[in-house]
């Protein structure tokens, strides 16, 4: 009898895990493009190019992951693959509001990325966003004047 209970619990947990999967929110448009700027994907920003003055900062993107019940899922990971030459990139985990859908305004933990221009020149960097089994590399071009 305990074996049947164990199997039932495993089946129940498998069902819960499968039914809890949600849309990958730091979705990639493919290639070297930035994340889609579509609120339903839970990514905002997703800048792929920008012109800045020395000393200015720009938010590259916010990456959130939640399910249909508005519960936070994994915190999307952001890793710098190629560092910028003329500026710096900071990645931080923090509480942010879900930007859209029926979950709008609910706070969950996510990842935020900011670029700060240090010197003049044409700068470029690449980063990888991962959430669950999905990942994508994105390239950002910054002109610092």
N, C-alpha and C. Protein backbone atom coordinates (compact mmCIF):
# COMPACT_ATOMS: atom_id res chain seq x y z
N UNK A 1 0.81 -1.19 0.00
CA UNK A 1 0.00 0.00 0.00
C UNK A 1 0.86 1.26 0.00
N UNK A 2 1.95 1.26 0.74
CA UNK A 2 2.81 2.44 0.76
C UNK A 2 3.46 2.66 -0.59
N UNK A 3 3.72 1.59 -1.34
CA UNK A 3 4.27 1.74 -2.69
C UNK A 3 3.28 2.46 -3.58
N UNK A 4 2.00 2.12 -3.48
CA UNK A 4 0.98 2.80 -4.27
C UNK A 4 0.89 4.27 -3.91
N UNK A 5 1.00 4.59 -2.65
CA UNK A 5 0.97 6.00 -2.23
C UNK A 5 2.18 6.74 -2.79
N UNK A 6 3.36 6.11 -2.76
CA UNK A 6 4.56 6.74 -3.28
C UNK A 6 4.42 7.00 -4.78
N UNK A 7 3.93 6.04 -5.54
CA UNK A 7 3.72 6.23 -6.96
C UNK A 7 2.71 7.34 -7.20
N UNK A 8 1.65 7.35 -6.43
CA UNK A 8 0.64 8.40 -6.59
C UNK A 8 1.23 9.77 -6.30
N UNK A 9 2.06 9.88 -5.28
CA UNK A 9 2.68 11.16 -4.96
C UNK A 9 3.62 11.57 -6.09
N UNK A 10 4.42 10.62 -6.62
CA UNK A 10 5.30 10.94 -7.74
C UNK A 10 4.51 11.42 -8.94
N UNK A 11 3.41 10.73 -9.27
CA UNK A 11 2.59 11.15 -10.40
C UNK A 11 2.00 12.53 -10.16
N UNK A 12 1.56 12.78 -8.93
CA UNK A 12 0.99 14.08 -8.60
C UNK A 12 2.05 15.17 -8.75
N UNK A 13 3.26 14.93 -8.21
CA UNK A 13 4.33 15.92 -8.31
C UNK A 13 4.72 16.16 -9.76
N UNK A 14 4.77 15.10 -10.56
CA UNK A 14 5.09 15.25 -11.98
C UNK A 14 4.03 16.11 -12.66
N UNK A 15 2.77 15.88 -12.33
CA UNK A 15 1.69 16.69 -12.89
C UNK A 15 1.82 18.15 -12.48
N UNK A 16 2.13 18.38 -11.21
CA UNK A 16 2.28 19.76 -10.71
C UNK A 16 3.43 20.46 -11.43
N UNK A 17 4.57 19.77 -11.57
CA UNK A 17 5.71 20.38 -12.24
C UNK A 17 5.38 20.69 -13.69
N UNK A 18 4.78 19.76 -14.40
CA UNK A 18 4.44 19.97 -15.81
C UNK A 18 3.40 21.08 -15.95
N UNK A 19 2.41 21.10 -15.08
CA UNK A 19 1.37 22.12 -15.22
C UNK A 19 1.84 23.48 -14.73
N UNK A 20 2.96 23.54 -14.00
CA UNK A 20 3.47 24.82 -13.51
C UNK A 20 4.39 25.50 -14.49
N UNK A 21 4.79 24.78 -15.55
CA UNK A 21 5.70 25.40 -16.50
C UNK A 21 5.03 26.60 -17.14
N UNK A 22 5.81 27.63 -17.36
CA UNK A 22 5.25 28.84 -17.96
C UNK A 22 6.10 29.29 -19.13
N UNK A 23 5.66 30.32 -19.76
CA UNK A 23 6.37 30.87 -20.91
C UNK A 23 7.73 31.38 -20.45
N UNK A 24 8.73 31.12 -21.24
CA UNK A 24 10.07 31.63 -20.95
C UNK A 24 10.02 33.14 -21.14
N UNK A 25 10.28 33.88 -20.07
CA UNK A 25 10.01 35.29 -20.10
C UNK A 25 11.13 36.14 -20.64
N UNK A 26 12.29 35.64 -20.66
CA UNK A 26 13.36 36.42 -21.26
C UNK A 26 13.56 35.90 -22.67
N UNK A 27 12.48 35.85 -23.43
CA UNK A 27 12.46 35.26 -24.76
C UNK A 27 13.39 35.93 -25.72
N UNK A 28 13.91 35.16 -26.62
CA UNK A 28 14.85 35.68 -27.58
C UNK A 28 14.19 35.74 -28.95
N UNK A 29 14.50 36.77 -29.69
CA UNK A 29 13.98 36.90 -31.04
C UNK A 29 14.80 36.08 -32.01
N UNK A 30 15.92 35.58 -31.55
CA UNK A 30 16.78 34.76 -32.39
C UNK A 30 18.00 35.53 -32.84
N UNK A 31 19.04 34.81 -33.21
CA UNK A 31 20.25 35.46 -33.70
C UNK A 31 20.86 36.35 -32.63
N UNK A 32 21.33 37.52 -33.06
CA UNK A 32 21.96 38.46 -32.14
C UNK A 32 21.02 39.57 -31.72
N UNK A 33 19.75 39.38 -31.88
CA UNK A 33 18.80 40.40 -31.49
C UNK A 33 18.58 40.33 -29.99
N UNK A 34 18.10 41.42 -29.43
CA UNK A 34 17.82 41.45 -28.00
C UNK A 34 16.53 40.71 -27.70
N UNK A 35 16.19 40.59 -26.41
CA UNK A 35 14.95 39.95 -26.04
C UNK A 35 13.76 40.69 -26.64
N UNK A 36 12.72 39.99 -26.90
CA UNK A 36 11.52 40.63 -27.43
C UNK A 36 10.98 41.62 -26.42
N UNK A 37 10.57 42.77 -26.87
CA UNK A 37 9.99 43.76 -25.98
C UNK A 37 8.48 43.54 -25.96
N UNK A 38 8.09 42.39 -25.48
CA UNK A 38 6.69 42.00 -25.43
C UNK A 38 6.36 41.68 -23.99
N UNK A 39 5.42 42.42 -23.42
CA UNK A 39 5.11 42.23 -22.01
C UNK A 39 4.67 40.82 -21.68
N UNK A 40 3.98 40.14 -22.60
CA UNK A 40 3.50 38.79 -22.31
C UNK A 40 4.65 37.81 -22.09
N UNK A 41 5.86 38.16 -22.57
CA UNK A 41 7.02 37.32 -22.34
C UNK A 41 7.73 37.68 -21.04
N UNK A 42 7.36 38.78 -20.42
CA UNK A 42 7.95 39.15 -19.15
C UNK A 42 9.32 39.77 -19.26
N UNK A 43 9.73 40.17 -20.46
CA UNK A 43 11.00 40.86 -20.62
C UNK A 43 10.70 42.28 -21.04
N UNK A 44 11.35 43.24 -20.42
CA UNK A 44 11.18 44.62 -20.84
C UNK A 44 12.54 45.17 -21.22
N UNK A 45 12.55 46.20 -22.00
CA UNK A 45 13.82 46.76 -22.45
C UNK A 45 14.30 46.00 -23.66
N UNK A 46 15.28 45.16 -23.48
CA UNK A 46 15.80 44.38 -24.58
C UNK A 46 16.46 45.25 -25.63
N UNK A 47 17.22 46.24 -25.19
CA UNK A 47 17.88 47.16 -26.11
C UNK A 47 18.95 46.41 -26.89
N UNK A 48 19.00 46.64 -28.21
CA UNK A 48 20.06 46.04 -29.02
C UNK A 48 21.04 47.08 -29.52
N UNK A 49 20.66 48.37 -29.51
CA UNK A 49 21.59 49.44 -29.85
C UNK A 49 21.12 50.74 -29.20
N UNK A 50 22.08 51.60 -28.91
CA UNK A 50 21.75 52.85 -28.21
C UNK A 50 22.91 53.82 -28.37
N UNK A 51 22.59 55.12 -28.38
CA UNK A 51 23.60 56.17 -28.38
C UNK A 51 23.54 56.85 -27.02
N UNK A 52 24.70 56.96 -26.35
CA UNK A 52 24.77 57.55 -25.02
C UNK A 52 25.90 58.57 -24.95
N UNK A 53 25.85 59.42 -23.95
CA UNK A 53 26.96 60.31 -23.64
C UNK A 53 27.79 59.66 -22.55
N UNK A 54 29.05 60.02 -22.50
CA UNK A 54 29.92 59.49 -21.47
C UNK A 54 29.32 59.78 -20.09
N UNK A 55 29.29 58.77 -19.23
CA UNK A 55 28.73 58.93 -17.89
C UNK A 55 27.26 58.53 -17.78
N UNK A 56 26.57 58.40 -18.90
CA UNK A 56 25.16 58.02 -18.87
C UNK A 56 25.01 56.52 -18.66
N UNK A 57 23.87 56.14 -18.10
CA UNK A 57 23.51 54.73 -17.93
C UNK A 57 22.21 54.45 -18.66
N UNK A 58 22.03 53.21 -19.06
CA UNK A 58 20.78 52.79 -19.70
C UNK A 58 20.44 51.39 -19.21
N UNK A 59 19.15 51.19 -18.94
CA UNK A 59 18.68 49.86 -18.58
C UNK A 59 18.59 49.03 -19.85
N UNK A 60 19.33 47.94 -19.89
CA UNK A 60 19.32 47.06 -21.05
C UNK A 60 18.07 46.19 -21.03
N UNK A 61 17.68 45.70 -19.87
CA UNK A 61 16.48 44.88 -19.78
C UNK A 61 16.19 44.41 -18.38
N UNK A 62 14.94 44.00 -18.18
CA UNK A 62 14.48 43.34 -16.96
C UNK A 62 13.96 41.98 -17.38
N UNK A 63 14.30 40.96 -16.63
CA UNK A 63 13.94 39.61 -17.00
C UNK A 63 13.22 38.95 -15.82
N UNK A 64 11.98 38.53 -16.04
CA UNK A 64 11.13 37.94 -15.01
C UNK A 64 10.59 36.60 -15.51
N UNK A 65 10.24 35.73 -14.57
CA UNK A 65 9.70 34.43 -14.95
C UNK A 65 8.59 34.07 -13.96
N UNK A 66 7.35 33.96 -14.46
CA UNK A 66 6.22 33.61 -13.61
C UNK A 66 5.30 32.65 -14.33
N UNK A 67 4.44 31.99 -13.56
CA UNK A 67 3.51 31.03 -14.17
C UNK A 67 2.12 31.66 -14.29
N UNK A 68 1.15 30.88 -14.75
CA UNK A 68 -0.21 31.36 -14.95
C UNK A 68 -0.93 31.75 -13.67
N UNK A 69 -0.41 31.30 -12.53
CA UNK A 69 -1.00 31.67 -11.24
C UNK A 69 -0.34 32.90 -10.64
N UNK A 70 0.52 33.57 -11.42
CA UNK A 70 1.24 34.77 -10.99
C UNK A 70 2.26 34.47 -9.90
N UNK A 71 2.76 33.26 -9.86
CA UNK A 71 3.79 32.89 -8.89
C UNK A 71 5.13 32.95 -9.58
N UNK A 72 6.13 33.46 -8.87
CA UNK A 72 7.48 33.53 -9.41
C UNK A 72 8.01 32.12 -9.68
N UNK A 73 8.67 31.98 -10.79
CA UNK A 73 9.35 30.72 -11.12
C UNK A 73 10.84 30.95 -10.91
N UNK A 74 11.68 30.31 -11.69
CA UNK A 74 13.11 30.52 -11.54
C UNK A 74 13.46 31.97 -11.86
N UNK A 75 14.47 32.48 -11.19
CA UNK A 75 14.96 33.82 -11.50
C UNK A 75 15.85 33.68 -12.73
N UNK A 76 15.52 34.38 -13.84
CA UNK A 76 16.35 34.26 -15.04
C UNK A 76 17.79 34.64 -14.74
N UNK A 77 18.71 33.82 -15.23
CA UNK A 77 20.13 34.12 -15.07
C UNK A 77 20.62 34.93 -16.24
N UNK A 78 21.49 35.90 -15.96
CA UNK A 78 22.10 36.71 -17.01
C UNK A 78 23.60 36.66 -16.79
N UNK A 79 24.32 36.24 -17.83
CA UNK A 79 25.78 36.14 -17.74
C UNK A 79 26.38 36.92 -18.90
N UNK A 80 27.37 37.75 -18.60
CA UNK A 80 28.05 38.51 -19.64
C UNK A 80 29.01 37.55 -20.36
N UNK A 81 28.81 37.39 -21.68
CA UNK A 81 29.62 36.49 -22.49
C UNK A 81 30.84 37.23 -23.03
N UNK A 82 30.62 38.47 -23.51
CA UNK A 82 31.70 39.32 -24.01
C UNK A 82 31.55 40.68 -23.33
N UNK A 83 32.57 41.09 -22.60
CA UNK A 83 32.52 42.35 -21.84
C UNK A 83 32.68 43.56 -22.76
N UNK A 84 32.06 44.70 -22.40
CA UNK A 84 32.24 45.92 -23.18
C UNK A 84 33.63 46.51 -22.96
N UNK A 85 34.16 47.25 -23.94
CA UNK A 85 35.48 47.88 -23.82
C UNK A 85 35.41 49.28 -23.23
N UNK A 86 34.32 50.01 -23.51
CA UNK A 86 34.26 51.42 -23.15
C UNK A 86 33.28 51.72 -22.02
N UNK A 87 32.68 50.71 -21.48
CA UNK A 87 31.70 50.91 -20.41
C UNK A 87 31.68 49.71 -19.49
N UNK A 88 30.68 49.68 -18.63
CA UNK A 88 30.53 48.56 -17.70
C UNK A 88 29.08 48.11 -17.68
N UNK A 89 28.89 46.85 -17.34
CA UNK A 89 27.55 46.28 -17.26
C UNK A 89 27.36 45.74 -15.85
N UNK A 90 26.22 46.06 -15.25
CA UNK A 90 25.90 45.49 -13.94
C UNK A 90 24.63 44.65 -14.07
N UNK A 91 24.64 43.53 -13.37
CA UNK A 91 23.51 42.62 -13.35
C UNK A 91 23.13 42.44 -11.89
N UNK A 92 21.84 42.65 -11.58
CA UNK A 92 21.40 42.51 -10.19
C UNK A 92 20.05 41.80 -10.13
N UNK A 93 19.88 41.10 -9.05
CA UNK A 93 18.59 40.45 -8.79
C UNK A 93 17.84 41.33 -7.81
N UNK A 94 16.56 41.57 -8.10
CA UNK A 94 15.76 42.45 -7.25
C UNK A 94 14.29 42.19 -7.46
N UNK A 95 13.48 42.71 -6.56
CA UNK A 95 12.03 42.61 -6.72
C UNK A 95 11.58 43.61 -7.77
N UNK A 96 10.74 43.13 -8.68
CA UNK A 96 10.18 43.97 -9.73
C UNK A 96 8.71 43.61 -9.89
N UNK A 97 7.96 44.49 -10.49
CA UNK A 97 6.54 44.25 -10.74
C UNK A 97 6.36 43.56 -12.09
N UNK A 98 5.47 42.58 -12.14
CA UNK A 98 5.12 41.95 -13.42
C UNK A 98 4.48 43.04 -14.28
N UNK A 99 4.98 43.20 -15.51
CA UNK A 99 4.56 44.34 -16.32
C UNK A 99 3.22 44.20 -17.05
N UNK A 100 2.68 43.00 -17.19
CA UNK A 100 1.47 42.87 -18.00
C UNK A 100 0.69 41.63 -17.63
N UNK A 101 -0.32 41.35 -18.38
CA UNK A 101 -1.24 40.22 -18.24
C UNK A 101 -2.08 40.40 -16.99
N UNK A 102 -2.78 39.35 -16.62
CA UNK A 102 -3.62 39.41 -15.42
C UNK A 102 -2.78 39.50 -14.15
N UNK A 103 -1.46 39.35 -14.28
CA UNK A 103 -0.55 39.39 -13.13
C UNK A 103 0.07 40.78 -12.94
N UNK A 104 -0.32 41.75 -13.74
CA UNK A 104 0.31 43.08 -13.72
C UNK A 104 0.34 43.65 -12.31
N UNK A 105 1.53 44.15 -11.93
CA UNK A 105 1.68 44.82 -10.65
C UNK A 105 2.06 43.92 -9.49
N UNK A 106 2.10 42.62 -9.70
CA UNK A 106 2.47 41.70 -8.62
C UNK A 106 3.99 41.65 -8.54
N UNK A 107 4.57 41.85 -7.35
CA UNK A 107 6.03 41.84 -7.23
C UNK A 107 6.59 40.42 -7.21
N UNK A 108 7.64 40.22 -8.01
CA UNK A 108 8.39 38.96 -7.99
C UNK A 108 9.87 39.31 -8.16
N UNK A 109 10.73 38.36 -7.84
CA UNK A 109 12.17 38.57 -7.99
C UNK A 109 12.56 38.31 -9.43
N UNK A 110 13.38 39.20 -9.98
CA UNK A 110 13.85 39.07 -11.34
C UNK A 110 15.28 39.56 -11.46
N UNK A 111 15.75 39.69 -12.69
CA UNK A 111 17.12 40.13 -12.96
C UNK A 111 17.07 41.41 -13.80
N UNK A 112 17.88 42.38 -13.41
CA UNK A 112 17.95 43.66 -14.12
C UNK A 112 19.38 43.87 -14.60
N UNK A 113 19.52 44.39 -15.84
CA UNK A 113 20.84 44.66 -16.39
C UNK A 113 20.94 46.11 -16.83
N UNK A 114 22.04 46.78 -16.44
CA UNK A 114 22.27 48.19 -16.75
C UNK A 114 23.67 48.36 -17.34
N UNK A 115 23.77 49.18 -18.40
CA UNK A 115 25.07 49.52 -19.00
C UNK A 115 25.39 50.96 -18.61
N UNK A 116 26.66 51.23 -18.27
CA UNK A 116 27.12 52.59 -17.95
C UNK A 116 28.28 52.93 -18.88
N UNK A 117 28.12 54.05 -19.64
CA UNK A 117 29.14 54.51 -20.59
C UNK A 117 30.29 55.16 -19.83
N UNK A 118 31.51 54.73 -20.08
CA UNK A 118 32.69 55.27 -19.39
C UNK A 118 33.56 56.12 -20.33
N UNK A 119 33.83 55.61 -21.55
CA UNK A 119 34.70 56.30 -22.50
C UNK A 119 34.01 56.38 -23.86
N UNK A 120 34.45 57.33 -24.69
CA UNK A 120 33.89 57.48 -26.03
C UNK A 120 34.36 56.37 -26.95
N UNK A 121 33.45 55.96 -27.84
CA UNK A 121 33.78 54.93 -28.83
C UNK A 121 32.57 54.07 -29.13
N UNK A 122 32.77 53.15 -30.07
CA UNK A 122 31.72 52.19 -30.41
C UNK A 122 31.93 50.95 -29.55
N UNK A 123 31.01 50.70 -28.67
CA UNK A 123 31.13 49.60 -27.73
C UNK A 123 30.17 48.48 -28.10
N UNK A 124 30.52 47.28 -27.68
CA UNK A 124 29.67 46.12 -27.94
C UNK A 124 29.90 45.11 -26.82
N UNK A 125 28.82 44.46 -26.42
CA UNK A 125 28.95 43.36 -25.47
C UNK A 125 27.85 42.34 -25.75
N UNK A 126 28.06 41.14 -25.24
CA UNK A 126 27.08 40.06 -25.42
C UNK A 126 26.74 39.46 -24.07
N UNK A 127 25.51 39.00 -23.95
CA UNK A 127 25.08 38.36 -22.71
C UNK A 127 24.17 37.18 -23.03
N UNK A 128 24.12 36.25 -22.08
CA UNK A 128 23.28 35.07 -22.21
C UNK A 128 22.21 35.13 -21.12
N UNK A 129 20.96 34.93 -21.51
CA UNK A 129 19.85 34.85 -20.57
C UNK A 129 19.40 33.40 -20.51
N UNK A 130 19.26 32.85 -19.31
CA UNK A 130 18.76 31.49 -19.16
C UNK A 130 17.61 31.47 -18.16
N UNK A 131 16.64 30.64 -18.45
CA UNK A 131 15.53 30.42 -17.53
C UNK A 131 15.01 29.02 -17.81
N UNK A 132 15.23 28.13 -16.87
CA UNK A 132 14.86 26.75 -17.10
C UNK A 132 15.74 26.18 -18.19
N UNK A 133 15.17 25.40 -19.12
CA UNK A 133 15.97 24.76 -20.16
C UNK A 133 16.30 25.68 -21.34
N UNK A 134 15.76 26.88 -21.37
CA UNK A 134 15.96 27.76 -22.51
C UNK A 134 17.06 28.77 -22.24
N UNK A 135 17.77 29.13 -23.29
CA UNK A 135 18.84 30.12 -23.19
C UNK A 135 19.00 30.81 -24.53
N UNK A 136 19.56 31.99 -24.50
CA UNK A 136 19.82 32.71 -25.73
C UNK A 136 20.89 33.75 -25.51
N UNK A 137 21.74 33.96 -26.52
CA UNK A 137 22.80 34.97 -26.46
C UNK A 137 22.35 36.19 -27.26
N UNK A 138 22.58 37.36 -26.70
CA UNK A 138 22.17 38.62 -27.31
C UNK A 138 23.35 39.56 -27.36
N UNK A 139 23.45 40.36 -28.42
CA UNK A 139 24.53 41.33 -28.58
C UNK A 139 23.95 42.74 -28.56
N UNK A 140 24.63 43.63 -27.84
CA UNK A 140 24.20 45.03 -27.72
C UNK A 140 25.31 45.91 -28.27
N UNK A 141 24.94 46.88 -29.11
CA UNK A 141 25.87 47.87 -29.66
C UNK A 141 25.56 49.22 -29.04
N UNK A 142 26.59 49.86 -28.48
CA UNK A 142 26.43 51.17 -27.84
C UNK A 142 27.43 52.13 -28.47
N UNK A 143 26.95 53.31 -28.87
CA UNK A 143 27.83 54.37 -29.33
C UNK A 143 27.93 55.39 -28.21
N UNK A 144 29.14 55.61 -27.72
CA UNK A 144 29.36 56.56 -26.61
C UNK A 144 29.97 57.81 -27.21
N UNK A 145 29.28 58.95 -27.04
CA UNK A 145 29.74 60.24 -27.58
C UNK A 145 30.30 61.11 -26.49
